PDB file of N, CA and C in Angstrom:
ATOM      1  N   MET A   1     -15.486  62.723  14.613  1.00  0.00           N
ATOM      2  CA  MET A   1     -14.944  61.395  14.490  1.00  0.00           C
ATOM      3  C   MET A   1     -14.046  61.338  13.262  1.00  0.00           C
ATOM      4  N   VAL A   2     -12.990  60.537  13.344  1.00  0.00           N
ATOM      5  CA  VAL A   2     -12.017  60.372  12.283  1.00  0.00           C
ATOM      6  C   VAL A   2     -12.295  59.044  11.590  1.00  0.00           C
ATOM      7  N   GLY A   3     -12.257  59.011  10.249  1.00  0.00           N
ATOM      8  CA  GLY A   3     -12.410  57.764   9.502  1.00  0.00           C
ATOM      9  C   GLY A   3     -11.046  57.235   9.121  1.00  0.00           C
ATOM     10  N   ILE A   4     -10.839  55.924   9.209  1.00  0.00           N
ATOM     11  CA  ILE A   4      -9.523  55.331   8.972  1.00  0.00           C
ATOM     12  C   ILE A   4      -9.641  54.197   7.959  1.00  0.00           C
ATOM     13  N   SER A   5      -8.564  53.988   7.177  1.00  0.00           N
ATOM     14  CA  SER A   5      -8.468  52.841   6.282  1.00  0.00           C
ATOM     15  C   SER A   5      -7.039  52.329   6.337  1.00  0.00           C
ATOM     16  N   GLY A   6      -6.836  51.079   5.923  1.00  0.00           N
ATOM     17  CA  GLY A   6      -5.493  50.520   5.976  1.00  0.00           C
ATOM     18  C   GLY A   6      -5.361  49.265   5.157  1.00  0.00           C
ATOM     19  N   THR A   7      -4.101  48.912   4.835  1.00  0.00           N
ATOM     20  CA  THR A   7      -3.802  47.688   4.101  1.00  0.00           C
ATOM     21  C   THR A   7      -2.571  47.037   4.694  1.00  0.00           C
ATOM     22  N   GLY A   8      -2.555  45.709   4.682  1.00  0.00           N
ATOM     23  CA  GLY A   8      -1.400  44.956   5.150  1.00  0.00           C
ATOM     24  C   GLY A   8      -0.700  44.336   3.964  1.00  0.00           C
ATOM     25  N   VAL A   9       0.610  44.440   3.915  1.00  0.00           N
ATOM     26  CA  VAL A   9       1.386  43.893   2.804  1.00  0.00           C
ATOM     27  C   VAL A   9       2.678  43.279   3.299  1.00  0.00           C
ATOM     28  N   SER A  10       3.203  42.376   2.484  1.00  0.00           N
ATOM     29  CA  SER A  10       4.547  41.876   2.748  1.00  0.00           C
ATOM     30  C   SER A  10       5.472  42.544   1.753  1.00  0.00           C
ATOM     31  N   ALA A  11       6.653  42.863   2.198  1.00  0.00           N
ATOM     32  CA  ALA A  11       7.629  43.506   1.333  1.00  0.00           C
ATOM     33  C   ALA A  11       8.122  42.486   0.309  1.00  0.00           C
ATOM     34  N   SER A  12       8.197  42.888  -0.922  1.00  0.00           N
ATOM     35  CA  SER A  12       8.582  41.997  -2.004  1.00  0.00           C
ATOM     36  C   SER A  12       9.957  41.381  -1.758  1.00  0.00           C
ATOM     37  N   GLY A  13      10.013  40.041  -1.788  1.00  0.00           N
ATOM     38  CA  GLY A  13      11.276  39.343  -1.668  1.00  0.00           C
ATOM     39  C   GLY A  13      11.881  39.337  -0.270  1.00  0.00           C
ATOM     40  N   SER A  14      11.113  39.700   0.735  1.00  0.00           N
ATOM     41  CA  SER A  14      11.673  39.692   2.086  1.00  0.00           C
ATOM     42  C   SER A  14      10.643  39.149   3.063  1.00  0.00           C
ATOM     43  N   SER A  15      11.076  38.976   4.287  1.00  0.00           N
ATOM     44  CA  SER A  15      10.170  38.449   5.300  1.00  0.00           C
ATOM     45  C   SER A  15       9.545  39.566   6.141  1.00  0.00           C
ATOM     46  N   SER A  16       9.778  40.826   5.781  1.00  0.00           N
ATOM     47  CA  SER A  16       9.203  41.919   6.553  1.00  0.00           C
ATOM     48  C   SER A  16       7.802  42.245   6.050  1.00  0.00           C
ATOM     49  N   HIS A  17       6.983  42.739   6.954  1.00  0.00           N
ATOM     50  CA  HIS A  17       5.597  43.070   6.655  1.00  0.00           C
ATOM     51  C   HIS A  17       5.287  44.442   7.222  1.00  0.00           C
ATOM     52  N   GLN A  18       4.225  45.053   6.697  1.00  0.00           N
ATOM     53  CA  GLN A  18       3.821  46.341   7.233  1.00  0.00           C
ATOM     54  C   GLN A  18       2.344  46.580   6.958  1.00  0.00           C
ATOM     55  N   VAL A  19       1.766  47.457   7.755  1.00  0.00           N
ATOM     56  CA  VAL A  19       0.398  47.920   7.553  1.00  0.00           C
ATOM     57  C   VAL A  19       0.476  49.430   7.377  1.00  0.00           C
ATOM     58  N   THR A  20      -0.120  49.917   6.309  1.00  0.00           N
ATOM     59  CA  THR A  20      -0.161  51.346   6.047  1.00  0.00           C
ATOM     60  C   THR A  20      -1.563  51.853   6.361  1.00  0.00           C
ATOM     61  N   LEU A  21      -1.641  52.800   7.272  1.00  0.00           N
ATOM     62  CA  LEU A  21      -2.911  53.388   7.682  1.00  0.00           C
ATOM     63  C   LEU A  21      -2.986  54.826   7.197  1.00  0.00           C
ATOM     64  N   SER A  22      -4.186  55.263   6.856  1.00  0.00           N
ATOM     65  CA  SER A  22      -4.391  56.672   6.516  1.00  0.00           C
ATOM     66  C   SER A  22      -5.790  57.071   6.946  1.00  0.00           C
ATOM     67  N   TRP A  23      -5.955  58.360   7.215  1.00  0.00           N
ATOM     68  CA  TRP A  23      -7.247  58.861   7.663  1.00  0.00           C
ATOM     69  C   TRP A  23      -7.348  60.334   7.329  1.00  0.00           C
ATOM     70  N   ASP A  24      -8.573  60.820   7.350  1.00  0.00           N
ATOM     71  CA  ASP A  24      -8.847  62.244   7.163  1.00  0.00           C
ATOM     72  C   ASP A  24      -9.144  62.841   8.525  1.00  0.00           C
ATOM     73  N   GLY A  25      -8.592  64.003   8.757  1.00  0.00           N
ATOM     74  CA  GLY A  25      -8.888  64.693  10.002  1.00  0.00           C
ATOM     75  C   GLY A  25     -10.327  65.178  10.008  1.00  0.00           C
ATOM     76  N   PRO A  26     -10.802  65.619  11.149  1.00  0.00           N
ATOM     77  CA  PRO A  26     -12.171  66.139  11.227  1.00  0.00           C
ATOM     78  C   PRO A  26     -12.360  67.290  10.243  1.00  0.00           C
ATOM     79  N   SER A  27     -13.495  67.291   9.542  1.00  0.00           N
ATOM     80  CA  SER A  27     -13.744  68.330   8.542  1.00  0.00           C
ATOM     81  C   SER A  27     -14.066  69.677   9.183  1.00  0.00           C
ATOM     82  N   SER A  28     -14.663  69.638  10.346  1.00  0.00           N
ATOM     83  CA  SER A  28     -14.927  70.890  11.068  1.00  0.00           C
ATOM     84  C   SER A  28     -14.881  70.606  12.559  1.00  0.00           C
ATOM     85  N   SER A  29     -14.257  71.510  13.246  1.00  0.00           N
ATOM     86  CA  SER A  29     -14.161  71.341  14.686  1.00  0.00           C
ATOM     87  C   SER A  29     -13.958  72.706  15.329  1.00  0.00           C
ATOM     88  N   SER A  30     -14.685  72.963  16.395  1.00  0.00           N
ATOM     89  CA  SER A  30     -14.495  74.219  17.116  1.00  0.00           C
ATOM     90  C   SER A  30     -13.249  74.150  17.997  1.00  0.00           C
ATOM     91  N   ASP A  31     -12.715  72.945  18.166  1.00  0.00           N
ATOM     92  CA  ASP A  31     -11.536  72.710  18.992  1.00  0.00           C
ATOM     93  C   ASP A  31     -10.427  72.162  18.087  1.00  0.00           C
ATOM     94  N   PRO A  32      -9.407  72.957  17.771  1.00  0.00           N
ATOM     95  CA  PRO A  32      -8.382  72.532  16.812  1.00  0.00           C
ATOM     96  C   PRO A  32      -7.656  71.238  17.217  1.00  0.00           C
ATOM     97  N   VAL A  33      -7.424  70.398  16.229  1.00  0.00           N
ATOM     98  CA  VAL A  33      -6.712  69.130  16.427  1.00  0.00           C
ATOM     99  C   VAL A  33      -5.210  69.377  16.305  1.00  0.00           C
ATOM    100  N   VAL A  34      -4.427  68.846  17.253  1.00  0.00           N
ATOM    101  CA  VAL A  34      -2.972  68.975  17.177  1.00  0.00           C
ATOM    102  C   VAL A  34      -2.316  67.693  16.692  1.00  0.00           C
ATOM    103  N   GLY A  35      -3.047  66.591  16.744  1.00  0.00           N
ATOM    104  CA  GLY A  35      -2.468  65.331  16.282  1.00  0.00           C
ATOM    105  C   GLY A  35      -3.380  64.157  16.541  1.00  0.00           C
ATOM    106  N   TYR A  36      -2.787  62.964  16.402  1.00  0.00           N
ATOM    107  CA  TYR A  36      -3.558  61.727  16.460  1.00  0.00           C
ATOM    108  C   TYR A  36      -2.813  60.674  17.267  1.00  0.00           C
ATOM    109  N   ASP A  37      -3.585  59.819  17.924  1.00  0.00           N
ATOM    110  CA  ASP A  37      -3.038  58.643  18.599  1.00  0.00           C
ATOM    111  C   ASP A  37      -3.538  57.415  17.856  1.00  0.00           C
ATOM    112  N   ILE A  38      -2.650  56.457  17.630  1.00  0.00           N
ATOM    113  CA  ILE A  38      -2.962  55.258  16.865  1.00  0.00           C
ATOM    114  C   ILE A  38      -2.923  54.051  17.801  1.00  0.00           C
ATOM    115  N   TYR A  39      -3.970  53.237  17.742  1.00  0.00           N
ATOM    116  CA  TYR A  39      -4.096  52.063  18.606  1.00  0.00           C
ATOM    117  C   TYR A  39      -4.207  50.797  17.775  1.00  0.00           C
ATOM    118  N   ARG A  40      -3.680  49.679  18.339  1.00  0.00           N
ATOM    119  CA  ARG A  40      -3.702  48.395  17.636  1.00  0.00           C
ATOM    120  C   ARG A  40      -3.975  47.266  18.615  1.00  0.00           C
ATOM    121  N   ALA A  41      -4.672  46.236  18.118  1.00  0.00           N
ATOM    122  CA  ALA A  41      -4.893  45.017  18.892  1.00  0.00           C
ATOM    123  C   ALA A  41      -4.943  43.837  17.939  1.00  0.00           C
ATOM    124  N   THR A  42      -4.718  42.664  18.489  1.00  0.00           N
ATOM    125  CA  THR A  42      -4.977  41.432  17.761  1.00  0.00           C
ATOM    126  C   THR A  42      -6.263  40.862  18.342  1.00  0.00           C
ATOM    127  N   SER A  43      -6.788  39.850  17.724  1.00  0.00           N
ATOM    128  CA  SER A  43      -8.062  39.279  18.138  1.00  0.00           C
ATOM    129  C   SER A  43      -8.103  38.968  19.632  1.00  0.00           C
ATOM    130  N   GLY A  44      -9.046  39.577  20.329  1.00  0.00           N
ATOM    131  CA  GLY A  44      -9.230  39.315  21.754  1.00  0.00           C
ATOM    132  C   GLY A  44      -8.261  40.012  22.683  1.00  0.00           C
ATOM    133  N   ALA A  45      -7.305  40.740  22.147  1.00  0.00           N
ATOM    134  CA  ALA A  45      -6.300  41.406  22.985  1.00  0.00           C
ATOM    135  C   ALA A  45      -6.729  42.843  23.291  1.00  0.00           C
ATOM    136  N   THR A  46      -6.073  43.441  24.266  1.00  0.00           N
ATOM    137  CA  THR A  46      -6.315  44.830  24.627  1.00  0.00           C
ATOM    138  C   THR A  46      -5.612  45.737  23.628  1.00  0.00           C
ATOM    139  N   TYR A  47      -6.253  46.854  23.288  1.00  0.00           N
ATOM    140  CA  TYR A  47      -5.627  47.819  22.381  1.00  0.00           C
ATOM    141  C   TYR A  47      -4.429  48.469  23.053  1.00  0.00           C
ATOM    142  N   GLU A  48      -3.367  48.667  22.263  1.00  0.00           N
ATOM    143  CA  GLU A  48      -2.172  49.343  22.751  1.00  0.00           C
ATOM    144  C   GLU A  48      -1.897  50.573  21.898  1.00  0.00           C
ATOM    145  N   LEU A  49      -1.391  51.617  22.536  1.00  0.00           N
ATOM    146  CA  LEU A  49      -1.012  52.845  21.846  1.00  0.00           C
ATOM    147  C   LEU A  49       0.287  52.588  21.095  1.00  0.00           C
ATOM    148  N   LEU A  50       0.302  52.873  19.781  1.00  0.00           N
ATOM    149  CA  LEU A  50       1.495  52.603  18.976  1.00  0.00           C
ATOM    150  C   LEU A  50       2.483  53.760  18.950  1.00  0.00           C
ATOM    151  N   ASN A  51       1.999  54.985  18.909  1.00  0.00           N
ATOM    152  CA  ASN A  51       2.920  56.120  18.824  1.00  0.00           C
ATOM    153  C   ASN A  51       3.242  56.631  20.223  1.00  0.00           C
ATOM    154  N   SER A  52       4.512  56.953  20.438  1.00  0.00           N
ATOM    155  CA  SER A  52       4.967  57.381  21.762  1.00  0.00           C
ATOM    156  C   SER A  52       4.579  58.819  22.082  1.00  0.00           C
ATOM    157  N   SER A  53       4.281  59.598  21.050  1.00  0.00           N
ATOM    158  CA  SER A  53       3.781  60.956  21.251  1.00  0.00           C
ATOM    159  C   SER A  53       2.748  61.238  20.165  1.00  0.00           C
ATOM    160  N   THR A  54       1.867  62.173  20.430  1.00  0.00           N
ATOM    161  CA  THR A  54       0.814  62.505  19.481  1.00  0.00           C
ATOM    162  C   THR A  54       1.443  62.914  18.157  1.00  0.00           C
ATOM    163  N   ASP A  55       0.939  62.337  17.062  1.00  0.00           N
ATOM    164  CA  ASP A  55       1.508  62.525  15.729  1.00  0.00           C
ATOM    165  C   ASP A  55       0.594  63.418  14.897  1.00  0.00           C
ATOM    166  N   ALA A  56       1.137  64.453  14.280  1.00  0.00           N
ATOM    167  CA  ALA A  56       0.340  65.380  13.486  1.00  0.00           C
ATOM    168  C   ALA A  56       0.037  64.831  12.088  1.00  0.00           C
ATOM    169  N   GLN A  57       0.719  63.786  11.659  1.00  0.00           N
ATOM    170  CA  GLN A  57       0.502  63.208  10.327  1.00  0.00           C
ATOM    171  C   GLN A  57      -0.825  62.455  10.271  1.00  0.00           C
ATOM    172  N   THR A  58      -1.388  62.320   9.080  1.00  0.00           N
ATOM    173  CA  THR A  58      -2.623  61.557   8.894  1.00  0.00           C
ATOM    174  C   THR A  58      -2.342  60.222   8.200  1.00  0.00           C
ATOM    175  N   THR A  59      -1.121  59.740   8.362  1.00  0.00           N
ATOM    176  CA  THR A  59      -0.733  58.416   7.895  1.00  0.00           C
ATOM    177  C   THR A  59       0.177  57.789   8.946  1.00  0.00           C
ATOM    178  N   TYR A  60       0.217  56.465   8.939  1.00  0.00           N
ATOM    179  CA  TYR A  60       1.091  55.755   9.869  1.00  0.00           C
ATOM    180  C   TYR A  60       1.439  54.422   9.244  1.00  0.00           C
ATOM    181  N   ILE A  61       2.702  54.033   9.304  1.00  0.00           N
ATOM    182  CA  ILE A  61       3.144  52.738   8.800  1.00  0.00           C
ATOM    183  C   ILE A  61       3.600  51.904   9.979  1.00  0.00           C
ATOM    184  N   ASP A  62       2.898  50.808  10.201  1.00  0.00           N
ATOM    185  CA  ASP A  62       3.221  49.887  11.291  1.00  0.00           C
ATOM    186  C   ASP A  62       4.119  48.795  10.735  1.00  0.00           C
ATOM    187  N   THR A  63       5.388  48.838  11.123  1.00  0.00           N
ATOM    188  CA  THR A  63       6.366  47.851  10.634  1.00  0.00           C
ATOM    189  C   THR A  63       6.643  46.767  11.667  1.00  0.00           C
ATOM    190  N   THR A  64       5.859  46.733  12.740  1.00  0.00           N
ATOM    191  CA  THR A  64       6.092  45.751  13.799  1.00  0.00           C
ATOM    192  C   THR A  64       5.096  44.597  13.738  1.00  0.00           C
ATOM    193  N   VAL A  65       4.457  44.414  12.587  1.00  0.00           N
ATOM    194  CA  VAL A  65       3.473  43.340  12.430  1.00  0.00           C
ATOM    195  C   VAL A  65       4.155  42.035  12.042  1.00  0.00           C
ATOM    196  N   GLN A  66       3.445  40.931  12.276  1.00  0.00           N
ATOM    197  CA  GLN A  66       3.974  39.602  11.995  1.00  0.00           C
ATOM    198  C   GLN A  66       3.088  38.880  10.986  1.00  0.00           C
ATOM    199  N   ALA A  67       3.672  37.966  10.246  1.00  0.00           N
ATOM    200  CA  ALA A  67       2.948  37.189   9.243  1.00  0.00           C
ATOM    201  C   ALA A  67       1.857  36.346   9.898  1.00  0.00           C
ATOM    202  N   ASN A  68       0.784  36.135   9.153  1.00  0.00           N
ATOM    203  CA  ASN A  68      -0.332  35.278   9.555  1.00  0.00           C
ATOM    204  C   ASN A  68      -1.067  35.768  10.797  1.00  0.00           C
ATOM    205  N   VAL A  69      -1.065  37.066  11.017  1.00  0.00           N
ATOM    206  CA  VAL A  69      -1.779  37.666  12.149  1.00  0.00           C
ATOM    207  C   VAL A  69      -2.717  38.730  11.597  1.00  0.00           C
ATOM    208  N   THR A  70      -3.891  38.845  12.198  1.00  0.00           N
ATOM    209  CA  THR A  70      -4.841  39.890  11.833  1.00  0.00           C
ATOM    210  C   THR A  70      -4.827  40.946  12.927  1.00  0.00           C
ATOM    211  N   TYR A  71      -4.685  42.191  12.519  1.00  0.00           N
ATOM    212  CA  TYR A  71      -4.621  43.318  13.436  1.00  0.00           C
ATOM    213  C   TYR A  71      -5.847  44.212  13.248  1.00  0.00           C
ATOM    214  N   VAL A  72      -6.260  44.852  14.325  1.00  0.00           N
ATOM    215  CA  VAL A  72      -7.366  45.806  14.285  1.00  0.00           C
ATOM    216  C   VAL A  72      -6.830  47.144  14.812  1.00  0.00           C
ATOM    217  N   TYR A  73      -7.138  48.218  14.076  1.00  0.00           N
ATOM    218  CA  TYR A  73      -6.617  49.545  14.404  1.00  0.00           C
ATOM    219  C   TYR A  73      -7.750  50.548  14.560  1.00  0.00           C
ATOM    220  N   TYR A  74      -7.482  51.592  15.335  1.00  0.00           N
ATOM    221  CA  TYR A  74      -8.320  52.793  15.332  1.00  0.00           C
ATOM    222  C   TYR A  74      -7.447  53.980  15.712  1.00  0.00           C
ATOM    223  N   VAL A  75      -7.915  55.179  15.395  1.00  0.00           N
ATOM    224  CA  VAL A  75      -7.213  56.404  15.766  1.00  0.00           C
ATOM    225  C   VAL A  75      -8.169  57.324  16.515  1.00  0.00           C
ATOM    226  N   THR A  76      -7.582  58.222  17.283  1.00  0.00           N
ATOM    227  CA  THR A  76      -8.334  59.308  17.911  1.00  0.00           C
ATOM    228  C   THR A  76      -7.600  60.605  17.608  1.00  0.00           C
ATOM    229  N   SER A  77      -8.347  61.687  17.492  1.00  0.00           N
ATOM    230  CA  SER A  77      -7.698  62.992  17.369  1.00  0.00           C
ATOM    231  C   SER A  77      -7.511  63.557  18.774  1.00  0.00           C
ATOM    232  N   VAL A  78      -6.503  64.421  18.907  1.00  0.00           N
ATOM    233  CA  VAL A  78      -6.162  65.000  20.206  1.00  0.00           C
ATOM    234  C   VAL A  78      -6.095  66.518  20.054  1.00  0.00           C
ATOM    235  N   ASP A  79      -6.693  67.248  21.012  1.00  0.00           N
ATOM    236  CA  ASP A  79      -6.664  68.706  20.942  1.00  0.00           C
ATOM    237  C   ASP A  79      -5.512  69.267  21.788  1.00  0.00           C
ATOM    238  N   TYR A  80      -5.400  70.588  21.840  1.00  0.00           N
ATOM    239  CA  TYR A  80      -4.308  71.249  22.567  1.00  0.00           C
ATOM    240  C   TYR A  80      -4.279  70.907  24.054  1.00  0.00           C
ATOM    241  N   SER A  81      -5.427  70.575  24.619  1.00  0.00           N
ATOM    242  CA  SER A  81      -5.491  70.236  26.039  1.00  0.00           C
ATOM    243  C   SER A  81      -5.196  68.766  26.306  1.00  0.00           C
ATOM    244  N   GLY A  82      -4.951  68.002  25.232  1.00  0.00           N
ATOM    245  CA  GLY A  82      -4.682  66.575  25.388  1.00  0.00           C
ATOM    246  C   GLY A  82      -5.934  65.723  25.443  1.00  0.00           C
ATOM    247  N   ILE A  83      -7.080  66.318  25.152  1.00  0.00           N
ATOM    248  CA  ILE A  83      -8.345  65.579  25.184  1.00  0.00           C
ATOM    249  C   ILE A  83      -8.535  64.852  23.865  1.00  0.00           C
ATOM    250  N   GLN A  84      -8.849  63.549  23.962  1.00  0.00           N
ATOM    251  CA  GLN A  84      -9.051  62.721  22.776  1.00  0.00           C
ATOM    252  C   GLN A  84     -10.492  62.755  22.311  1.00  0.00           C
ATOM    253  N   SER A  85     -10.647  62.619  20.991  1.00  0.00           N
ATOM    254  CA  SER A  85     -11.981  62.493  20.402  1.00  0.00           C
ATOM    255  C   SER A  85     -12.484  61.074  20.626  1.00  0.00           C
ATOM    256  N   SER A  86     -13.688  60.808  20.177  1.00  0.00           N
ATOM    257  CA  SER A  86     -14.165  59.431  20.167  1.00  0.00           C
ATOM    258  C   SER A  86     -13.337  58.655  19.145  1.00  0.00           C
ATOM    259  N   SER A  87     -13.367  57.353  19.233  1.00  0.00           N
ATOM    260  CA  SER A  87     -12.569  56.498  18.355  1.00  0.00           C
ATOM    261  C   SER A  87     -13.072  56.551  16.916  1.00  0.00           C
ATOM    262  N   SER A  88     -12.148  56.382  15.990  1.00  0.00           N
ATOM    263  CA  SER A  88     -12.519  56.235  14.587  1.00  0.00           C
ATOM    264  C   SER A  88     -13.210  54.893  14.407  1.00  0.00           C
ATOM    265  N   ASN A  89     -13.616  54.629  13.187  1.00  0.00           N
ATOM    266  CA  ASN A  89     -14.080  53.277  12.872  1.00  0.00           C
ATOM    267  C   ASN A  89     -12.906  52.319  13.056  1.00  0.00           C
ATOM    268  N   LEU A  90     -13.170  51.048  13.202  1.00  0.00           N
ATOM    269  CA  LEU A  90     -12.116  50.042  13.288  1.00  0.00           C
ATOM    270  C   LEU A  90     -11.737  49.599  11.895  1.00  0.00           C
ATOM    271  N   VAL A  91     -10.455  49.383  11.677  1.00  0.00           N
ATOM    272  CA  VAL A  91      -9.999  48.843  10.403  1.00  0.00           C
ATOM    273  C   VAL A  91      -9.184  47.595  10.698  1.00  0.00           C
ATOM    274  N   THR A  92      -9.414  46.563   9.890  1.00  0.00           N
ATOM    275  CA  THR A  92      -8.744  45.279  10.079  1.00  0.00           C
ATOM    276  C   THR A  92      -7.736  45.080   8.951  1.00  0.00           C
ATOM    277  N   ALA A  93      -6.555  44.602   9.302  1.00  0.00           N
ATOM    278  CA  ALA A  93      -5.531  44.295   8.311  1.00  0.00           C
ATOM    279  C   ALA A  93      -4.996  42.898   8.595  1.00  0.00           C
ATOM    280  N   SER A  94      -5.109  42.013   7.606  1.00  0.00           N
ATOM    281  CA  SER A  94      -4.577  40.662   7.737  1.00  0.00           C
ATOM    282  C   SER A  94      -3.240  40.583   7.034  1.00  0.00           C
ATOM    283  N   ILE A  95      -2.239  40.137   7.738  1.00  0.00           N
ATOM    284  CA  ILE A  95      -0.891  40.064   7.181  1.00  0.00           C
ATOM    285  C   ILE A  95      -0.724  38.678   6.534  1.00  0.00           C
ATOM    286  N   PRO A  96      -0.312  38.669   5.274  1.00  0.00           N
ATOM    287  CA  PRO A  96      -0.161  37.383   4.559  1.00  0.00           C
ATOM    288  C   PRO A  96       0.954  36.521   5.127  1.00  0.00           C
TER     289      PRO A  96
END
């Protein structure tokens, strides 16, 4: 399982907002990880996949967030066969 954390911020002096997510990859795995899929939802909504292809980075910046909305995120790791791990913990980010 992957652990995730994140923060929501507004850009200084502008109306743009973003959430910065980061996580640690699995510490040990017999099946090598090739990347991660990032999911997001708002309260009561269905989770949507944010990245169009599996991302090898362990950080993600979501710049498509809106003010006064709370978002919930999780990530999964993906192996060479395209099989996803179980979901990470959920992280909540409230945009000011």
